[in-house]
Amino acid sequence: MRRIASHYLIDRGTVTPRPVVTVADDGQILSVEQWERLDSLASTEFYAGAITAGFVNAHCHLELSYLKGAIERGTGFAGFARAIGQVRGGFTPDERQRAMAAADARMWSEGVQAVADIVNDDTSFALKSHSRIRYKSFAEFFGLNNDVASIAPLCRMPHTSATPHSTYSVQDEAMRQVARMAEGEPLSIHFMESPDELQLYGGEGSLAAWYERMGWQCDFLHYSSPAQRLAGSLGREQRLILVHNCCVRREDIELINSHFTHPVAWVICPQSNAYISSLRPAEALLQRDDVMICVGTDSLASNTNLSIIEELKLLHDIPLAESLCWATINGARALGLEREIGSVERGKRPGIVLIEGIETSDGLRLTPDATSRRLI
């Protein structure tokens, strides 16, 4: 058993000063109390800063960790997609495994408790089988054909379900088939990452031009927008994790939230979007619409790290207590794990993370040098 004390506990959007958290040897929270005087903390570990529950990385591509530094910053949406295809064959299986192991170990040490991970092959599952991080894997169907059976072997892997890649890269019947394959599990869909996604539905933009050059036909352009397509193709009970949301509009948010009965998880990946296109997620718009925002890192192909704290540093206009709510309990809800992780509550095993480097003169905010490290 350990007793952990700090200056602050930031949990579920609330800041509690002078916390003392008692944790069993198996990580279960036994009690959450407050200390009165430092000299009363016998047999207690004290850490300067703030403690919080372990983070949930709500969007990652662990298997692409070997591509760190392989793709130039600022290539833009279409350029990044082309670059992935050009460079991904130039690494050995051993290099890929070592890169994934290093990324997994660092995420754990920096406080990541669970990951929503996109998979296109089976290379990450051996590592996941003994990782201390909880992975929910999404076998991604990609391509303007209806061969959804191609992802069936991946869907048989532990803690894995099917998902379509996006609203621009999957035909309509395939979208419906993949949703049926998911059997009540959430779909993790890249959504409104670029203005090209909306422009495609009007026959314009770089995606439309690329498809025309390749002679590819889309059977979903009768929908007026990506949001209309989700509402028209998927059942109301479908659980959704929508990722990126740089170009999402209020009308998209309203339509999707009114159509689907389960709360939709809106994932933002600030560092990845800055790396690829210098676009910023529409977190202010999502925040105003009072939706469930989560935080992801995307992959090391489009990021320099998989650090949740580094993502939160780019959200400098958002109060820290709120952005940490996005990175903990909201991510747990998106994966259906909120009864086990995501908040520091008695009976849960959420992990305990220490955040150091917090500015306290004007509310609690991360300094440029802020870091996170796992305590439990």
Protein backbone atom coordinates (compact mmCIF):
# COMPACT_ATOMS: atom_id res chain seq x y z
CA MET A 1 0.00 0.00 0.00
CA ARG A 2 1.17 3.53 -0.80
CA ARG A 3 -0.03 6.95 0.29
CA ILE A 4 0.54 9.66 -2.34
CA ALA A 5 0.26 13.37 -1.47
CA SER A 6 0.72 16.47 -3.61
CA HIS A 7 -0.22 20.13 -3.88
CA TYR A 8 -3.22 19.42 -6.11
CA LEU A 9 -5.40 16.61 -7.42
CA ILE A 10 -6.94 17.44 -10.80
CA ASP A 11 -9.77 15.04 -11.47
CA ARG A 12 -13.03 15.15 -13.49
CA GLY A 13 -12.55 18.88 -14.14
CA THR A 14 -12.14 19.76 -10.46
CA VAL A 15 -9.00 20.92 -8.64
CA THR A 16 -8.68 19.63 -5.06
CA PRO A 17 -5.86 21.13 -2.97
CA ARG A 18 -3.73 19.06 -0.58
CA PRO A 19 -4.80 15.56 -1.70
CA VAL A 20 -3.75 12.30 -0.11
CA VAL A 21 -4.54 9.20 -2.17
CA THR A 22 -4.15 5.73 -0.65
CA VAL A 23 -3.48 3.02 -3.21
CA ALA A 24 -3.38 -0.75 -2.72
CA ASP A 25 -0.50 -2.84 -4.05
CA ASP A 26 -2.62 -3.85 -7.05
CA GLY A 27 -3.27 -0.19 -7.98
CA GLN A 28 -6.79 0.04 -6.60
CA ILE A 29 -7.73 3.39 -5.07
CA LEU A 30 -8.62 2.84 -1.41
CA SER A 31 -9.31 6.43 -0.34
CA VAL A 32 -9.02 10.06 -1.44
CA GLU A 33 -8.56 12.54 1.40
CA GLN A 34 -6.93 15.92 2.13
CA TRP A 35 -3.96 16.70 4.32
CA GLU A 36 -3.87 19.71 6.66
CA ARG A 37 -0.17 20.10 7.52
CA LEU A 38 2.95 18.79 5.82
CA ASP A 39 4.30 17.55 9.14
CA SER A 40 1.26 15.26 9.43
CA LEU A 41 2.25 13.21 6.37
CA ALA A 42 4.08 10.39 8.12
CA SER A 43 4.52 7.30 5.90
CA THR A 44 3.30 9.37 2.96
CA GLU A 45 5.10 10.15 -0.29
CA PHE A 46 4.86 13.85 -1.12
CA TYR A 47 5.31 15.15 -4.67
CA ALA A 48 5.39 18.82 -5.66
CA GLY A 49 2.95 19.58 -8.47
CA ALA A 50 -0.38 18.00 -9.34
CA ILE A 51 -1.52 14.40 -9.52
CA THR A 52 -4.14 13.04 -11.88
CA ALA A 53 -5.46 9.77 -13.24
CA GLY A 54 -3.55 7.98 -15.97
CA PHE A 55 -4.11 9.38 -19.45
CA VAL A 56 -6.10 7.84 -22.28
CA ASN A 57 -4.54 8.33 -25.71
CA ALA A 58 -7.74 8.32 -27.75
CA HIS A 59 -6.06 7.98 -31.15
CA CYS A 60 -2.74 6.41 -32.04
CA HIS A 61 -1.05 4.33 -34.75
CA LEU A 62 1.57 2.49 -32.70
CA GLU A 63 2.63 0.34 -35.66
CA LEU A 64 3.90 3.48 -37.47
CA SER A 65 6.39 4.35 -34.72
CA TYR A 66 9.29 3.37 -36.99
CA LEU A 67 8.45 6.36 -39.22
CA LYS A 68 9.53 8.94 -36.65
CA GLY A 69 11.35 11.69 -38.55
CA ALA A 70 10.89 9.93 -41.90
CA ILE A 71 8.30 12.39 -43.27
CA GLU A 72 8.91 16.10 -43.57
CA ARG A 73 6.86 18.53 -41.53
CA GLY A 74 4.38 20.64 -43.47
CA THR A 75 3.72 18.33 -46.42
CA GLY A 76 -0.03 18.97 -46.21
CA PHE A 77 -2.81 16.41 -46.14
CA ALA A 78 -2.29 14.94 -49.63
CA GLY A 79 1.51 15.13 -49.41
CA PHE A 80 1.55 13.25 -46.12
CA ALA A 81 -0.61 10.45 -47.55
CA ARG A 82 1.74 10.11 -50.53
CA ALA A 83 4.83 10.16 -48.30
CA ILE A 84 3.52 7.34 -46.11
CA GLY A 85 3.30 5.09 -49.16
CA GLN A 86 6.78 6.06 -50.32
CA VAL A 87 8.71 5.50 -47.08
CA ARG A 88 6.93 2.75 -45.17
CA GLY A 89 8.65 -0.10 -47.04
CA GLY A 90 12.17 1.00 -46.16
CA PHE A 91 12.45 -0.47 -42.64
CA THR A 92 13.19 -3.97 -41.38
CA PRO A 93 10.81 -5.94 -39.12
CA ASP A 94 13.31 -5.60 -36.28
CA GLU A 95 13.45 -1.82 -36.67
CA ARG A 96 9.67 -1.70 -36.56
CA GLN A 97 9.46 -3.81 -33.41
CA ARG A 98 12.13 -1.81 -31.57
CA ALA A 99 10.40 1.46 -32.43
CA MET A 100 7.04 0.19 -31.14
CA ALA A 101 8.60 -1.12 -27.93
CA ALA A 102 10.29 2.20 -27.26
CA ALA A 103 7.08 4.14 -27.93
CA ASP A 104 5.04 1.83 -25.69
CA ALA A 105 7.56 2.10 -22.83
CA ARG A 106 7.69 5.87 -23.04
CA MET A 107 3.91 6.25 -23.13
CA TRP A 108 3.66 4.12 -19.99
CA SER A 109 6.36 6.04 -18.13
CA GLU A 110 4.73 9.36 -19.03
CA GLY A 111 1.37 8.21 -17.67
CA VAL A 112 -0.68 6.70 -20.51
CA GLN A 113 -3.06 4.10 -19.08
CA ALA A 114 -5.01 3.12 -22.22
CA VAL A 115 -4.73 3.63 -25.97
CA ALA A 116 -7.21 3.55 -28.84
CA ASP A 117 -4.88 2.16 -31.49
CA ILE A 118 -5.42 1.87 -35.23
CA VAL A 119 -4.02 -1.28 -36.86
CA ASN A 120 -3.47 -2.16 -40.50
CA ASP A 121 -1.42 -5.30 -39.85
CA ASP A 122 -0.63 -7.71 -37.00
CA THR A 123 2.84 -6.41 -36.11
CA SER A 124 1.83 -4.72 -32.83
CA PHE A 125 -0.07 -7.55 -31.15
CA ALA A 126 2.87 -9.45 -29.67
CA LEU A 127 4.00 -6.30 -27.89
CA LYS A 128 0.46 -5.47 -26.75
CA SER A 129 0.06 -8.92 -25.23
CA HIS A 130 2.59 -8.09 -22.50
CA SER A 131 2.34 -4.28 -22.37
CA ARG A 132 1.19 -2.66 -19.13
CA ILE A 133 -0.92 -0.27 -21.21
CA ARG A 134 -4.50 -1.29 -22.04
CA TYR A 135 -4.90 -1.25 -25.81
CA LYS A 136 -8.17 -1.22 -27.70
CA SER A 137 -7.23 -1.94 -31.32
CA PHE A 138 -9.27 -0.89 -34.33
CA ALA A 139 -8.67 -2.92 -37.49
CA GLU A 140 -8.99 -0.28 -40.17
CA PHE A 141 -10.66 -0.89 -43.52
CA PHE A 142 -9.31 1.43 -46.19
CA GLY A 143 -9.98 1.51 -49.93
CA LEU A 144 -12.63 2.19 -52.52
CA ASN A 145 -13.66 -1.45 -52.80
CA ASN A 146 -15.98 -3.66 -50.81
CA ASP A 147 -13.48 -6.33 -49.74
CA VAL A 148 -14.17 -5.91 -46.03
CA ALA A 149 -13.30 -9.58 -45.42
CA SER A 150 -9.65 -8.52 -45.73
CA ILE A 151 -9.68 -7.19 -42.14
CA ALA A 152 -11.47 -10.22 -40.65
CA PRO A 153 -8.22 -11.92 -39.47
CA LEU A 154 -7.20 -8.77 -37.57
CA CYS A 155 -10.63 -8.55 -35.95
CA ARG A 156 -10.00 -11.94 -34.37
CA MET A 157 -7.03 -10.57 -32.43
CA PRO A 158 -7.56 -9.77 -28.72
CA HIS A 159 -9.42 -6.55 -27.90
CA THR A 160 -9.82 -5.69 -31.58
CA SER A 161 -12.80 -4.62 -33.65
CA ALA A 162 -13.39 -3.29 -37.15
CA THR A 163 -13.54 0.35 -38.20
CA PRO A 164 -13.73 2.27 -41.49
CA HIS A 165 -10.83 4.65 -42.10
CA SER A 166 -12.85 7.75 -42.99
CA THR A 167 -15.87 9.11 -44.84
CA TYR A 168 -13.82 9.73 -47.99
CA SER A 169 -11.89 6.46 -48.38
CA VAL A 170 -14.57 3.77 -47.96
CA GLN A 171 -17.55 3.00 -50.22
CA ASP A 172 -21.04 3.19 -48.72
CA GLU A 173 -21.79 -0.52 -48.64
CA ALA A 174 -18.37 -1.20 -47.12
CA MET A 175 -19.06 1.39 -44.42
CA ARG A 176 -22.27 -0.43 -43.50
CA GLN A 177 -20.59 -3.85 -43.57
CA VAL A 178 -17.74 -2.73 -41.33
CA ALA A 179 -20.24 -1.28 -38.85
CA ARG A 180 -21.98 -4.65 -38.74
CA MET A 181 -18.64 -6.39 -38.19
CA ALA A 182 -17.94 -4.11 -35.21
CA GLU A 183 -20.93 -5.65 -33.36
CA GLY A 184 -21.72 -2.78 -31.03
CA GLU A 185 -18.12 -1.65 -30.57
CA PRO A 186 -17.23 1.98 -31.34
CA LEU A 187 -15.99 2.97 -34.76
CA SER A 188 -12.86 5.15 -34.78
CA ILE A 189 -13.12 7.31 -37.91
CA HIS A 190 -10.76 9.98 -39.23
CA PHE A 191 -13.12 12.93 -39.64
CA MET A 192 -12.83 16.41 -41.14
CA GLU A 193 -9.05 16.50 -40.89
CA SER A 194 -8.81 18.54 -44.08
CA PRO A 195 -11.07 20.85 -46.13
CA ASP A 196 -10.62 18.38 -49.00
CA GLU A 197 -13.01 15.97 -47.25
CA LEU A 198 -15.97 18.33 -47.53
CA GLN A 199 -14.93 19.55 -50.98
CA LEU A 200 -14.97 15.97 -52.30
CA TYR A 201 -18.74 15.82 -51.77
CA GLY A 202 -19.06 18.76 -54.17
CA GLY A 203 -16.67 17.24 -56.73
CA GLU A 204 -13.89 19.68 -55.89
CA GLY A 205 -10.53 19.75 -54.14
CA SER A 206 -7.41 17.56 -54.22
CA LEU A 207 -9.19 14.34 -53.23
CA ALA A 208 -11.70 14.69 -56.05
CA ALA A 209 -8.91 15.44 -58.52
CA TRP A 210 -6.85 12.45 -57.31
CA TYR A 211 -9.79 10.06 -57.58
CA GLU A 212 -10.57 11.32 -61.07
CA ARG A 213 -6.96 10.79 -62.19
CA MET A 214 -7.02 7.26 -60.82
CA GLY A 215 -10.39 6.50 -62.39
CA TRP A 216 -11.97 5.72 -59.02
CA GLN A 217 -15.70 6.12 -58.55
CA CYS A 218 -17.30 6.93 -55.18
CA ASP A 219 -20.79 5.67 -54.41
CA PHE A 220 -21.36 8.03 -51.46
CA LEU A 221 -21.26 11.48 -53.03
CA HIS A 222 -25.05 11.77 -53.00
CA TYR A 223 -24.68 12.72 -49.35
CA SER A 224 -24.13 16.43 -49.02
CA SER A 225 -21.31 16.23 -46.47
CA PRO A 226 -19.25 13.79 -44.38
CA ALA A 227 -21.58 14.43 -41.43
CA GLN A 228 -24.65 13.68 -43.55
CA ARG A 229 -22.97 10.48 -44.68
CA LEU A 230 -22.41 9.26 -41.11
CA ALA A 231 -26.02 9.97 -40.21
CA GLY A 232 -27.27 8.33 -43.40
CA SER A 233 -25.06 5.24 -43.33
CA LEU A 234 -24.90 4.28 -39.66
CA GLY A 235 -27.57 3.29 -37.18
CA ARG A 236 -28.55 5.65 -34.40
CA GLU A 237 -27.15 3.26 -31.75
CA GLN A 238 -23.67 3.23 -33.29
CA ARG A 239 -20.91 4.45 -30.95
CA LEU A 240 -18.46 6.81 -32.63
CA ILE A 241 -14.96 8.11 -32.04
CA LEU A 242 -14.38 10.92 -34.55
CA VAL A 243 -10.73 11.90 -34.91
CA HIS A 244 -9.00 15.19 -35.85
CA ASN A 245 -11.99 17.54 -36.43
CA CYS A 246 -9.88 20.42 -37.75
CA CYS A 247 -12.53 21.51 -40.24
CA VAL A 248 -15.69 20.45 -38.44
CA ARG A 249 -18.56 22.96 -38.52
CA ARG A 250 -21.24 23.67 -35.96
CA GLU A 251 -23.88 22.19 -38.29
CA ASP A 252 -21.84 18.97 -38.45
CA ILE A 253 -21.64 18.77 -34.67
CA GLU A 254 -25.36 19.43 -34.25
CA LEU A 255 -26.37 16.88 -36.88
CA ILE A 256 -24.15 14.11 -35.51
CA ASN A 257 -24.99 14.69 -31.87
CA SER A 258 -28.72 14.79 -32.62
CA HIS A 259 -28.64 11.61 -34.74
CA PHE A 260 -26.61 9.25 -32.55
CA THR A 261 -28.01 8.17 -29.20
CA HIS A 262 -24.65 7.51 -27.50
CA PRO A 263 -22.38 10.47 -26.73
CA VAL A 264 -19.94 10.90 -29.61
CA ALA A 265 -16.23 11.14 -28.72
CA TRP A 266 -14.60 14.05 -30.59
CA VAL A 267 -10.84 13.44 -30.56
CA ILE A 268 -8.32 16.20 -31.18
CA CYS A 269 -4.64 15.61 -32.07
CA PRO A 270 -3.09 19.10 -31.96
CA GLN A 271 0.56 18.20 -32.54
CA SER A 272 -0.15 15.93 -35.50
CA ASN A 273 -2.30 18.53 -37.23
CA ALA A 274 0.37 21.17 -36.68
CA TYR A 275 2.99 18.79 -38.11
CA ILE A 276 1.08 17.89 -41.26
CA SER A 277 -0.84 20.99 -42.26
CA SER A 278 -0.57 23.68 -39.56
CA LEU A 279 -4.31 23.31 -39.06
CA ARG A 280 -5.67 23.46 -35.52
CA PRO A 281 -8.45 21.25 -34.17
CA ALA A 282 -11.72 23.10 -33.62
CA GLU A 283 -11.52 22.63 -29.84
CA ALA A 284 -13.05 26.04 -29.13
CA LEU A 285 -16.09 25.20 -31.29
CA LEU A 286 -16.41 21.75 -29.75
CA GLN A 287 -16.05 23.25 -26.29
CA ARG A 288 -18.85 25.75 -26.93
CA ASP A 289 -21.12 22.94 -28.06
CA ASP A 290 -20.49 21.05 -24.81
CA VAL A 291 -19.50 17.77 -26.44
CA MET A 292 -17.25 14.95 -25.21
CA ILE A 293 -13.75 15.97 -26.29
CA CYS A 294 -10.85 13.51 -26.05
CA VAL A 295 -7.13 13.81 -26.79
CA GLY A 296 -4.94 11.68 -29.06
CA THR A 297 -1.42 11.82 -30.43
CA ASP A 298 -1.76 10.15 -33.84
CA SER A 299 1.49 8.45 -34.85
CA LEU A 300 5.20 9.20 -34.80
CA ALA A 301 4.94 9.53 -38.57
CA SER A 302 3.17 12.84 -37.93
CA ASN A 303 4.44 13.73 -34.46
CA THR A 304 7.72 14.04 -32.61
CA ASN A 305 6.38 12.26 -29.51
CA LEU A 306 3.35 10.43 -28.12
CA SER A 307 3.09 12.64 -25.03
CA ILE A 308 -0.34 13.70 -23.83
CA ILE A 309 1.19 16.57 -21.85
CA GLU A 310 2.80 17.93 -25.02
CA GLU A 311 -0.60 17.81 -26.72
CA LEU A 312 -2.18 19.72 -23.82
CA LYS A 313 0.51 22.42 -24.02
CA LEU A 314 -0.92 23.44 -27.40
CA LEU A 315 -4.33 23.95 -25.76
CA HIS A 316 -3.11 26.98 -23.85
CA ASP A 317 -6.50 28.71 -24.06
CA ILE A 318 -8.22 25.82 -22.27
CA PRO A 319 -8.14 25.63 -18.43
CA LEU A 320 -5.89 22.77 -17.37
CA ALA A 321 -8.61 21.12 -15.28
CA GLU A 322 -10.81 20.95 -18.37
CA SER A 323 -8.18 19.68 -20.81
CA LEU A 324 -7.11 17.00 -18.32
CA CYS A 325 -10.74 15.89 -18.17
CA TRP A 326 -10.54 15.40 -21.95
CA ALA A 327 -7.32 13.39 -21.56
CA THR A 328 -8.58 11.11 -18.77
CA ILE A 329 -12.24 10.40 -18.03
CA ASN A 330 -13.53 11.39 -21.49
CA GLY A 331 -11.08 9.04 -23.17
CA ALA A 332 -12.10 6.28 -20.75
CA ARG A 333 -15.75 6.87 -21.65
CA ALA A 334 -14.96 6.69 -25.35
CA LEU A 335 -13.49 3.21 -24.84
CA GLY A 336 -16.14 2.05 -22.38
CA LEU A 337 -13.59 1.88 -19.55
CA GLU A 338 -14.92 4.64 -17.29
CA ARG A 339 -15.80 2.20 -14.50
CA GLU A 340 -12.18 1.09 -14.26
CA ILE A 341 -9.93 4.01 -15.22
CA GLY A 342 -10.07 7.71 -16.08
CA SER A 343 -10.59 9.23 -12.61
CA VAL A 344 -9.14 8.92 -9.12
CA GLU A 345 -12.05 7.28 -7.34
CA ARG A 346 -12.27 4.57 -4.74
CA GLY A 347 -12.41 1.12 -6.30
CA LYS A 348 -10.85 2.11 -9.64
CA ARG A 349 -7.35 1.28 -10.90
CA PRO A 350 -6.64 4.40 -12.97
CA GLY A 351 -2.90 4.81 -12.40
CA ILE A 352 -1.55 7.94 -10.73
CA VAL A 353 0.41 10.50 -12.76
CA LEU A 354 2.42 13.45 -11.47
CA ILE A 355 2.48 16.65 -13.50
CA GLU A 356 5.44 18.92 -12.75
CA GLY A 357 5.96 22.41 -14.11
CA ILE A 358 2.58 24.03 -13.44
CA GLU A 359 2.13 27.80 -13.28
CA THR A 360 -0.15 28.78 -10.39
CA SER A 361 -0.17 32.59 -10.44
CA ASP A 362 -3.21 32.83 -12.76
CA GLY A 363 -5.04 29.55 -12.31
CA LEU A 364 -3.31 26.28 -13.08
CA ARG A 365 -1.55 26.19 -16.44
CA LEU A 366 1.22 24.12 -17.97
CA THR A 367 4.57 25.84 -18.42
CA PRO A 368 6.60 25.14 -21.58
CA ASP A 369 8.80 22.86 -19.49
CA ALA A 370 5.95 20.88 -17.86
CA THR A 371 6.35 17.10 -17.77
CA SER A 372 4.37 14.08 -16.65
CA ARG A 373 5.61 10.89 -15.01
CA ARG A 374 3.94 7.83 -13.65
CA LEU A 375 3.82 7.29 -9.91
CA ILE A 376 1.52 4.24 -9.92
